[in-house]
Amino acid sequence: QSWSRGMSYCLHSESHLDTGPIYVRENGKLHVVNRGAGGVQNVTPKARPFSLFSRTFSVELCMNREDDRARRQRTDHFIFTYTKEGNLRYSAKSLFSLVLGYISDNVDHIDSLIGFPEQIAEKLFSAAEARQKFTEPVTGLRALQKFTEAYGSLVLCSLCLRNRYLVISEKLEEIKSFRELTCLDLSCCKLGDEHELLEHLTKEALSSVKRLLLKDNSLSDAGLRKMTAPVRVLKKGLDNLLVLDLSCNPKITDVGIGYLLSFKKLNCLDISGTGLKDVDAVIKRLQMQIGLVHSKVPLKEFDHSNCKTEGWAEQTVLQWEQAVLEAMKPQDNLRSRVTALHFYGKTHRMEEVVKCTLVEPETKTSGNLQFYKENVENCHLPLKKEVAGSHELKNNKKRALAEQERERTSKQKHLCLTVEDWDLLNTY
């Protein structure tokens, strides 16, 4: 009786809920309670398929509503693709790619990369470059220095900054961080004698430069004197220089050419468009002292086609240039002002980047003054050797030996340093 009262209470108290069939074990048998009749039926239960959730149960994947950076970090851990049926499928990224992305996001906090495998370092540099980490003002320089200190020429072995004076002014410290460059093109940048980058050329970090192009940079004899001082006295700096372009610098005179005689390894030289007074004497002096022969035709070494930006940071330099171009674009409010000035008849002064051509009028007037050293594989020879020319070379060598004997007596005059030379050397 108590069992029937409890069962009826259970049935009536929760009649509004669909609890399903109720089974009761009595006298070793299992009975099902028929709620409609209020009785108990002796029915064996049917086997029902097991399911953890009901048919109406649904699951929704929700991301935590935080800032965009946190949400992006979570989604970066997965690769989303679609199946043939059109269903979205995602798979987790490898642990290597996750760690690589995390380090590239915090690349400026790396202490040192010296001794780190260069294969992994190249991937890390590319990942940081894709995130444009090296374009940031302060952290980009700190991150770039970690790579250049550890890998040198792998980061950049050749750098072409022709007609890119704005890039030099904006990213001067980043450019100075490059080490072990073998080729540097600074043509048409109007740097002048006192520019900081020209002073940096004499440092130990750029002693590996073999090809230096300084065409149209407003250089004078004073600039050449500073640039060659470490080589002339300390045997350091640009001692390994093979190719030098000083064309279209009208302030360079015969005195400045005398400073170039310290580059004993020089194979090719271009001084077209300079302010030489006695051209024949300069030609003879270069041939006698460092063995450079005047070329009758232009040399391939100075056509500016061999110098390109090469290395891991090739795209980084392009990003710097793109950022400078974006900064130079006039804003919308400035465009309206320019339109108004044109409407009222006022001329607006627009500053444009002045680009130099490969052949300047000064070069045409003074003639081609390019020199090369014979019997050198690295230097492109303009003409084939002639038999008559070989006899002239023998006579020139005899005259050169005789002149060298005369110069030995006056060599002490060249070795005596002036007060200005000592002041200049004290800066290094």
Protein backbone atom coordinates (compact mmCIF):
# COMPACT_ATOMS: atom_id res chain seq x y z
CA GLN A 1 0.00 0.00 0.00
CA SER A 2 2.84 2.34 0.83
CA TRP A 3 4.43 1.46 -2.51
CA SER A 4 1.25 2.33 -4.40
CA ARG A 5 0.87 5.64 -2.54
CA GLY A 6 4.49 6.60 -3.31
CA MET A 7 4.13 5.64 -6.92
CA SER A 8 0.91 7.58 -7.38
CA TYR A 9 2.51 10.62 -5.70
CA CYS A 10 5.43 10.43 -8.09
CA LEU A 11 3.14 10.13 -11.08
CA HIS A 12 0.84 13.00 -10.10
CA SER A 13 3.51 15.39 -8.73
CA GLU A 14 5.45 15.46 -11.96
CA SER A 15 2.71 14.75 -14.41
CA HIS A 16 3.61 17.88 -16.35
CA LEU A 17 7.08 16.48 -17.16
CA ASP A 18 7.67 13.77 -19.71
CA THR A 19 9.77 11.42 -17.63
CA GLY A 20 9.25 8.45 -19.93
CA PRO A 21 8.46 4.90 -18.78
CA ILE A 22 9.21 3.95 -15.17
CA TYR A 23 10.56 0.48 -14.35
CA VAL A 24 10.13 -1.19 -10.95
CA ARG A 25 11.80 -4.41 -9.79
CA GLU A 26 9.54 -6.56 -7.55
CA ASN A 27 10.03 -10.18 -6.53
CA GLY A 28 12.97 -10.53 -8.91
CA LYS A 29 10.99 -9.32 -11.92
CA LEU A 30 11.06 -6.01 -13.76
CA HIS A 31 7.72 -4.24 -14.20
CA VAL A 32 6.84 -1.13 -16.20
CA VAL A 33 4.34 1.31 -14.73
CA ASN A 34 1.52 2.22 -17.10
CA ARG A 35 0.85 5.86 -16.30
CA GLY A 36 -2.44 5.98 -18.18
CA ALA A 37 -4.01 3.05 -16.35
CA GLY A 38 -2.10 3.65 -13.11
CA GLY A 39 -1.17 -0.03 -12.97
CA VAL A 40 1.91 -2.12 -13.47
CA GLN A 41 2.47 -4.22 -16.55
CA ASN A 42 4.86 -7.10 -16.73
CA VAL A 43 6.62 -6.10 -19.95
CA THR A 44 10.20 -6.78 -20.92
CA PRO A 45 11.84 -3.50 -21.92
CA LYS A 46 13.05 -3.11 -25.47
CA ALA A 47 16.68 -2.33 -26.06
CA ARG A 48 17.05 1.34 -26.98
CA PRO A 49 20.12 2.75 -28.73
CA PHE A 50 22.36 4.60 -26.35
CA SER A 51 22.75 8.35 -27.05
CA LEU A 52 24.42 10.89 -24.88
CA PHE A 53 22.35 13.82 -26.18
CA SER A 54 18.83 14.09 -27.47
CA ARG A 55 17.98 14.77 -31.08
CA THR A 56 17.30 18.44 -30.45
CA PHE A 57 20.67 18.99 -28.75
CA SER A 58 23.03 21.40 -30.63
CA VAL A 59 26.57 22.63 -30.01
CA GLU A 60 27.85 26.09 -30.93
CA LEU A 61 31.57 26.98 -30.96
CA CYS A 62 31.90 30.41 -29.37
CA MET A 63 35.11 32.45 -29.10
CA ASN A 64 35.69 34.53 -26.06
CA ARG A 65 34.69 38.11 -26.86
CA GLU A 66 38.03 39.78 -26.12
CA ASP A 67 40.22 42.08 -28.14
CA ASP A 68 41.01 41.33 -31.77
CA ARG A 69 44.62 40.38 -31.04
CA ALA A 70 43.64 37.64 -28.57
CA ARG A 71 41.00 36.28 -30.93
CA ARG A 72 43.48 36.30 -33.82
CA GLN A 73 46.02 34.37 -31.74
CA ARG A 74 43.43 31.67 -31.06
CA THR A 75 42.35 31.34 -34.68
CA ASP A 76 45.98 31.29 -35.86
CA HIS A 77 46.34 27.92 -34.18
CA PHE A 78 44.00 26.31 -36.73
CA ILE A 79 43.94 25.82 -40.48
CA PHE A 80 40.40 26.10 -41.89
CA THR A 81 39.53 24.24 -45.08
CA TYR A 82 36.40 23.02 -46.83
CA THR A 83 35.52 19.47 -47.78
CA LYS A 84 34.01 18.37 -51.11
CA GLU A 85 30.58 18.47 -49.54
CA GLY A 86 31.10 22.10 -48.55
CA ASN A 87 31.55 21.46 -44.83
CA LEU A 88 34.05 23.50 -42.84
CA ARG A 89 36.95 21.48 -41.53
CA TYR A 90 39.79 22.68 -39.35
CA SER A 91 43.04 21.12 -38.27
CA ALA A 92 45.64 22.26 -35.75
CA LYS A 93 48.90 23.81 -36.93
CA SER A 94 52.22 22.22 -36.15
CA LEU A 95 53.99 23.15 -32.95
CA PHE A 96 56.92 24.52 -34.97
CA SER A 97 54.74 27.01 -36.84
CA LEU A 98 53.04 28.10 -33.62
CA VAL A 99 56.37 28.72 -31.88
CA LEU A 100 57.74 30.46 -34.99
CA GLY A 101 54.79 32.83 -35.08
CA TYR A 102 55.05 33.61 -31.39
CA ILE A 103 58.78 34.39 -31.57
CA SER A 104 58.36 36.52 -34.69
CA ASP A 105 55.69 38.57 -32.90
CA ASN A 106 58.22 39.22 -30.11
CA VAL A 107 61.39 39.23 -32.20
CA ASP A 108 62.63 42.48 -30.67
CA HIS A 109 62.93 40.75 -27.26
CA ILE A 110 65.49 38.19 -28.48
CA ASP A 111 68.77 38.51 -26.59
CA SER A 112 71.06 36.99 -29.22
CA LEU A 113 71.01 34.74 -32.28
CA ILE A 114 74.73 33.96 -32.39
CA GLY A 115 75.18 30.22 -32.86
CA PHE A 116 71.54 29.67 -33.82
CA PRO A 117 71.05 27.53 -36.98
CA GLU A 118 70.81 29.77 -40.02
CA GLN A 119 68.13 27.60 -41.68
CA ILE A 120 65.72 28.25 -38.82
CA ALA A 121 66.86 31.87 -38.53
CA GLU A 122 65.94 32.51 -42.17
CA LYS A 123 62.41 31.24 -41.56
CA LEU A 124 62.19 33.38 -38.44
CA PHE A 125 63.36 36.43 -40.39
CA SER A 126 60.78 35.79 -43.12
CA ALA A 127 58.00 35.40 -40.55
CA ALA A 128 58.96 38.67 -38.85
CA GLU A 129 59.30 40.37 -42.22
CA ALA A 130 55.79 39.25 -43.22
CA ARG A 131 54.50 40.89 -40.03
CA GLN A 132 56.48 44.05 -40.98
CA LYS A 133 58.32 43.99 -37.66
CA PHE A 134 61.42 45.63 -39.19
CA THR A 135 59.50 48.71 -40.30
CA GLU A 136 58.66 49.75 -36.74
CA PRO A 137 60.69 52.77 -35.55
CA VAL A 138 62.47 51.47 -32.43
CA THR A 139 61.75 47.77 -32.11
CA GLY A 140 62.46 47.17 -35.79
CA LEU A 141 66.03 48.44 -35.47
CA ARG A 142 66.65 46.36 -32.35
CA ALA A 143 65.34 43.21 -34.04
CA LEU A 144 67.33 43.82 -37.23
CA GLN A 145 70.56 44.26 -35.29
CA LYS A 146 70.16 40.80 -33.73
CA PHE A 147 70.12 39.23 -37.18
CA THR A 148 72.94 41.31 -38.68
CA GLU A 149 75.22 40.64 -35.72
CA ALA A 150 74.76 36.88 -36.04
CA TYR A 151 74.52 36.29 -39.81
CA GLY A 152 76.18 39.26 -41.53
CA SER A 153 76.14 38.86 -45.30
CA LEU A 154 73.27 36.35 -45.21
CA VAL A 155 70.93 39.13 -44.11
CA LEU A 156 72.20 41.37 -46.91
CA CYS A 157 75.25 40.99 -49.15
CA SER A 158 74.38 43.69 -51.71
CA LEU A 159 72.43 46.91 -51.17
CA CYS A 160 71.18 49.23 -53.92
CA LEU A 161 69.96 52.64 -52.70
CA ARG A 162 70.19 54.48 -56.01
CA ASN A 163 67.85 57.52 -56.04
CA ARG A 164 66.64 56.63 -52.55
CA TYR A 165 67.83 59.53 -50.45
CA LEU A 166 64.58 59.60 -48.46
CA VAL A 167 65.02 55.96 -47.50
CA ILE A 168 68.54 56.75 -46.31
CA SER A 169 67.37 59.67 -44.20
CA GLU A 170 64.48 57.72 -42.65
CA LYS A 171 66.28 54.40 -42.08
CA LEU A 172 69.88 55.53 -41.59
CA GLU A 173 70.48 53.55 -38.39
CA GLU A 174 68.99 50.41 -39.94
CA ILE A 175 71.23 50.78 -42.99
CA LYS A 176 74.27 51.26 -40.77
CA SER A 177 73.45 47.99 -38.97
CA PHE A 178 74.18 45.89 -42.09
CA ARG A 179 77.50 44.07 -41.94
CA GLU A 180 79.76 42.34 -44.45
CA LEU A 181 78.28 44.08 -47.49
CA THR A 182 80.20 43.40 -50.69
CA CYS A 183 78.32 45.82 -52.98
CA LEU A 184 76.85 49.22 -52.10
CA ASP A 185 75.18 51.54 -54.61
CA LEU A 186 74.58 55.10 -53.35
CA SER A 187 74.36 56.76 -56.74
CA CYS A 188 72.39 59.99 -57.19
CA CYS A 189 71.68 60.51 -53.49
CA LYS A 190 73.38 63.93 -53.09
CA LEU A 191 74.93 62.92 -49.76
CA GLY A 192 77.79 65.44 -49.64
CA ASP A 193 81.09 65.25 -47.79
CA GLU A 194 79.68 65.48 -44.27
CA HIS A 195 76.99 62.80 -44.44
CA GLU A 196 77.01 60.25 -41.65
CA LEU A 197 76.72 57.33 -44.02
CA LEU A 198 79.93 58.27 -45.83
CA GLU A 199 81.71 58.35 -42.50
CA HIS A 200 80.30 54.91 -41.76
CA LEU A 201 81.95 53.58 -44.94
CA THR A 202 85.32 53.78 -43.22
CA LYS A 203 84.24 51.60 -40.29
CA GLU A 204 85.28 48.01 -39.79
CA ALA A 205 81.71 46.76 -40.44
CA LEU A 206 82.00 47.76 -44.13
CA SER A 207 85.60 46.75 -44.73
CA SER A 208 84.23 43.92 -46.88
CA VAL A 209 82.85 46.30 -49.54
CA LYS A 210 84.37 45.50 -52.92
CA ARG A 211 82.06 47.51 -55.17
CA LEU A 212 81.17 51.09 -54.22
CA LEU A 213 79.13 53.39 -56.46
CA LEU A 214 79.10 57.06 -55.41
CA LYS A 215 78.00 58.72 -58.60
CA ASP A 216 76.46 62.21 -58.31
CA ASN A 217 76.80 62.65 -54.56
CA SER A 218 78.21 66.21 -54.40
CA LEU A 219 81.59 64.91 -53.23
CA SER A 220 84.76 66.98 -53.19
CA ASP A 221 88.42 66.45 -52.40
CA ALA A 222 87.69 66.82 -48.69
CA GLY A 223 85.22 63.93 -48.81
CA LEU A 224 87.73 61.67 -50.56
CA ARG A 225 90.35 62.63 -48.03
CA LYS A 226 88.13 61.51 -45.15
CA MET A 227 87.06 58.35 -46.93
CA THR A 228 90.62 57.25 -47.71
CA ALA A 229 92.30 58.32 -44.44
CA PRO A 230 92.03 54.88 -42.72
CA VAL A 231 93.40 53.15 -45.82
CA ARG A 232 96.25 55.60 -46.36
CA VAL A 233 97.51 55.55 -42.78
CA LEU A 234 96.01 52.64 -40.83
CA LYS A 235 95.59 50.15 -43.71
CA LYS A 236 91.95 49.68 -42.68
CA GLY A 237 88.54 50.69 -43.97
CA LEU A 238 87.93 50.22 -47.71
CA ASP A 239 91.16 48.33 -48.23
CA ASN A 240 89.42 45.56 -50.25
CA LEU A 241 87.76 47.92 -52.75
CA LEU A 242 87.83 46.64 -56.34
CA VAL A 243 85.32 48.86 -58.19
CA LEU A 244 84.78 52.58 -57.46
CA ASP A 245 82.43 54.98 -59.24
CA LEU A 246 83.00 58.69 -58.54
CA SER A 247 81.50 60.08 -61.75
CA CYS A 248 79.41 63.27 -61.91
CA ASN A 249 81.10 64.85 -58.88
CA PRO A 250 82.47 68.09 -60.39
CA LYS A 251 84.09 69.22 -57.13
CA ILE A 252 86.63 66.39 -57.27
CA THR A 253 89.92 67.71 -58.69
CA ASP A 254 93.41 66.37 -59.33
CA VAL A 255 94.17 66.58 -55.62
CA GLY A 256 91.31 64.23 -54.75
CA ILE A 257 92.47 61.69 -57.33
CA GLY A 258 95.77 61.54 -55.46
CA TYR A 259 93.96 60.15 -52.42
CA LEU A 260 92.65 57.26 -54.52
CA LEU A 261 96.16 55.96 -55.14
CA SER A 262 95.99 54.23 -51.74
CA PHE A 263 93.47 51.71 -53.16
CA LYS A 264 96.07 49.24 -54.41
CA LYS A 265 93.50 46.51 -55.14
CA LEU A 266 91.34 48.76 -57.31
CA ASN A 267 90.48 47.14 -60.67
CA CYS A 268 87.94 49.57 -62.14
CA LEU A 269 87.55 53.33 -61.62
CA ASP A 270 85.14 55.88 -63.09
CA ILE A 271 85.95 59.58 -62.67
CA SER A 272 83.94 60.88 -65.61
CA GLY A 273 82.32 64.26 -65.04
CA THR A 274 84.78 65.37 -62.34
CA GLY A 275 86.60 68.70 -62.20
CA LEU A 276 90.01 67.56 -63.37
CA LYS A 277 92.35 70.25 -64.66
CA ASP A 278 95.13 68.16 -66.22
CA VAL A 279 93.41 65.04 -67.52
CA ASP A 280 96.50 63.65 -69.27
CA ALA A 281 98.58 63.90 -66.10
CA VAL A 282 95.86 62.09 -64.10
CA ILE A 283 95.64 59.31 -66.69
CA LYS A 284 99.39 58.83 -66.62
CA ARG A 285 99.52 58.91 -62.83
CA LEU A 286 96.82 56.26 -62.43
CA GLN A 287 98.54 54.00 -64.92
CA MET A 288 101.98 54.35 -63.42
CA GLN A 289 101.14 54.00 -59.75
CA ILE A 290 98.21 51.58 -59.51
CA GLY A 291 98.19 50.07 -63.02
CA LEU A 292 94.83 51.40 -64.24
CA VAL A 293 94.51 51.78 -68.01
CA HIS A 294 92.23 54.36 -69.60
CA SER A 295 89.33 52.69 -71.42
CA LYS A 296 88.29 53.93 -74.84
CA VAL A 297 84.71 52.63 -74.49
CA PRO A 298 82.35 52.50 -71.47
CA LEU A 299 82.88 49.58 -69.11
CA LYS A 300 80.14 47.19 -68.14
CA GLU A 301 81.08 47.54 -64.49
CA PHE A 302 79.50 51.00 -64.39
CA ASP A 303 76.19 50.39 -66.17
CA HIS A 304 74.44 49.95 -62.78
CA SER A 305 72.92 46.61 -63.79
CA ASN A 306 75.08 44.38 -61.60
CA CYS A 307 74.23 46.04 -58.29
CA LYS A 308 70.99 44.80 -56.78
CA THR A 309 69.66 44.31 -53.28
CA GLU A 310 70.23 40.65 -52.39
CA GLY A 311 69.75 38.78 -49.11
CA TRP A 312 67.13 37.98 -46.51
CA ALA A 313 66.26 41.66 -46.07
CA GLU A 314 65.50 42.29 -49.73
CA GLN A 315 61.77 42.63 -49.05
CA THR A 316 62.50 44.69 -45.94
CA VAL A 317 64.19 47.39 -48.03
CA LEU A 318 61.18 47.39 -50.35
CA GLN A 319 58.89 47.83 -47.34
CA TRP A 320 60.96 50.84 -46.24
CA GLU A 321 60.66 52.39 -49.67
CA GLN A 322 56.92 51.73 -49.79
CA ALA A 323 56.48 53.37 -46.38
CA VAL A 324 58.36 56.46 -47.59
CA LEU A 325 56.21 56.67 -50.72
CA GLU A 326 53.05 56.38 -48.65
CA ALA A 327 54.23 59.20 -46.40
CA MET A 328 54.92 61.38 -49.44
CA LYS A 329 51.39 61.04 -50.82
CA PRO A 330 49.39 64.24 -50.29
CA GLN A 331 46.54 64.00 -47.84
CA ASP A 332 42.95 64.84 -48.72
CA ASN A 333 43.02 68.22 -47.00
CA LEU A 334 46.24 69.12 -48.79
CA ARG A 335 44.75 68.15 -52.14
CA SER A 336 41.86 70.56 -51.61
CA ARG A 337 44.30 73.36 -50.80
CA VAL A 338 46.31 72.66 -53.95
CA THR A 339 43.13 72.73 -56.02
CA ALA A 340 42.17 76.07 -54.51
CA LEU A 341 45.61 77.52 -55.26
CA HIS A 342 45.37 76.41 -58.87
CA PHE A 343 41.90 77.93 -59.12
CA TYR A 344 43.09 81.32 -57.91
CA GLY A 345 46.08 81.25 -60.21
CA LYS A 346 48.75 80.61 -57.58
CA THR A 347 51.47 78.12 -58.37
CA HIS A 348 52.08 75.47 -55.75
CA ARG A 349 55.67 74.38 -55.22
CA MET A 350 55.82 70.60 -55.36
CA GLU A 351 58.91 68.85 -54.11
CA GLU A 352 59.77 65.92 -56.31
CA VAL A 353 62.53 63.38 -56.07
CA VAL A 354 65.27 64.36 -58.48
CA LYS A 355 66.51 61.34 -60.39
CA CYS A 356 69.78 61.32 -62.24
CA THR A 357 70.39 59.62 -65.53
CA LEU A 358 73.20 57.23 -66.31
CA VAL A 359 74.82 59.68 -68.73
CA GLU A 360 75.19 63.24 -67.47
CA PRO A 361 75.98 66.30 -69.62
CA GLU A 362 79.16 66.80 -67.58
CA THR A 363 80.34 63.36 -68.63
CA LYS A 364 79.77 64.14 -72.29
CA THR A 365 81.78 67.37 -72.12
CA SER A 366 84.74 65.96 -70.20
CA GLY A 367 84.74 62.64 -72.01
CA ASN A 368 84.76 59.09 -70.77
CA LEU A 369 87.25 58.69 -67.91
CA GLN A 370 86.86 55.05 -66.97
CA PHE A 371 89.85 52.94 -66.06
CA TYR A 372 90.45 49.23 -65.72
CA LYS A 373 93.31 46.96 -64.74
CA GLU A 374 94.45 44.48 -67.34
CA ASN A 375 94.86 40.75 -66.69
CA VAL A 376 92.06 40.80 -64.09
CA GLU A 377 89.20 38.32 -64.38
CA ASN A 378 86.73 40.25 -62.23
CA CYS A 379 86.88 43.38 -64.37
CA HIS A 380 85.14 43.39 -67.77
CA LEU A 381 87.66 44.35 -70.43
CA PRO A 382 86.29 46.70 -73.10
CA LEU A 383 88.76 45.89 -75.86
CA LYS A 384 90.85 42.94 -76.99
CA LYS A 385 94.59 43.10 -76.52
CA GLU A 386 96.64 44.09 -79.53
CA VAL A 387 100.20 43.19 -80.35
CA ALA A 388 101.25 46.80 -80.66
CA GLY A 389 99.74 47.53 -77.30
CA SER A 390 101.96 44.93 -75.64
CA HIS A 391 105.10 46.76 -76.76
CA GLU A 392 103.71 49.99 -75.36
CA LEU A 393 103.04 48.28 -72.05
CA LYS A 394 106.64 47.11 -71.81
CA ASN A 395 107.89 50.63 -72.41
CA ASN A 396 105.40 51.98 -69.90
CA LYS A 397 106.64 49.51 -67.29
CA LYS A 398 110.22 50.65 -67.81
CA ARG A 399 109.17 54.27 -67.41
CA ALA A 400 107.14 53.34 -64.35
CA LEU A 401 110.14 51.69 -62.69
CA ALA A 402 112.28 54.72 -63.37
CA GLU A 403 109.63 57.04 -61.95
CA GLN A 404 109.21 54.85 -58.89
CA GLU A 405 112.93 55.21 -58.17
CA ARG A 406 112.52 58.98 -58.29
CA GLU A 407 109.48 58.86 -56.03
CA ARG A 408 111.34 56.90 -53.36
CA THR A 409 113.53 59.91 -52.69
CA SER A 410 110.47 62.11 -52.13
CA LYS A 411 108.45 59.47 -50.29
CA GLN A 412 109.13 61.06 -46.94
CA LYS A 413 107.13 64.08 -48.04
CA HIS A 414 104.01 61.94 -48.53
CA LEU A 415 104.45 60.17 -45.21
CA CYS A 416 104.60 63.41 -43.24
CA LEU A 417 101.13 64.01 -41.80
CA THR A 418 99.70 67.44 -41.34
CA VAL A 419 97.83 68.61 -38.26
CA GLU A 420 94.52 68.13 -40.10
CA ASP A 421 95.41 64.50 -40.84
CA TRP A 422 96.15 63.81 -37.18
CA ASP A 423 92.86 65.43 -36.13
CA LEU A 424 91.03 63.29 -38.66
CA LEU A 425 92.70 60.07 -37.50
CA ASN A 426 91.84 60.82 -33.89
CA THR A 427 88.15 60.56 -34.80
CA TYR A 428 88.52 56.86 -35.67
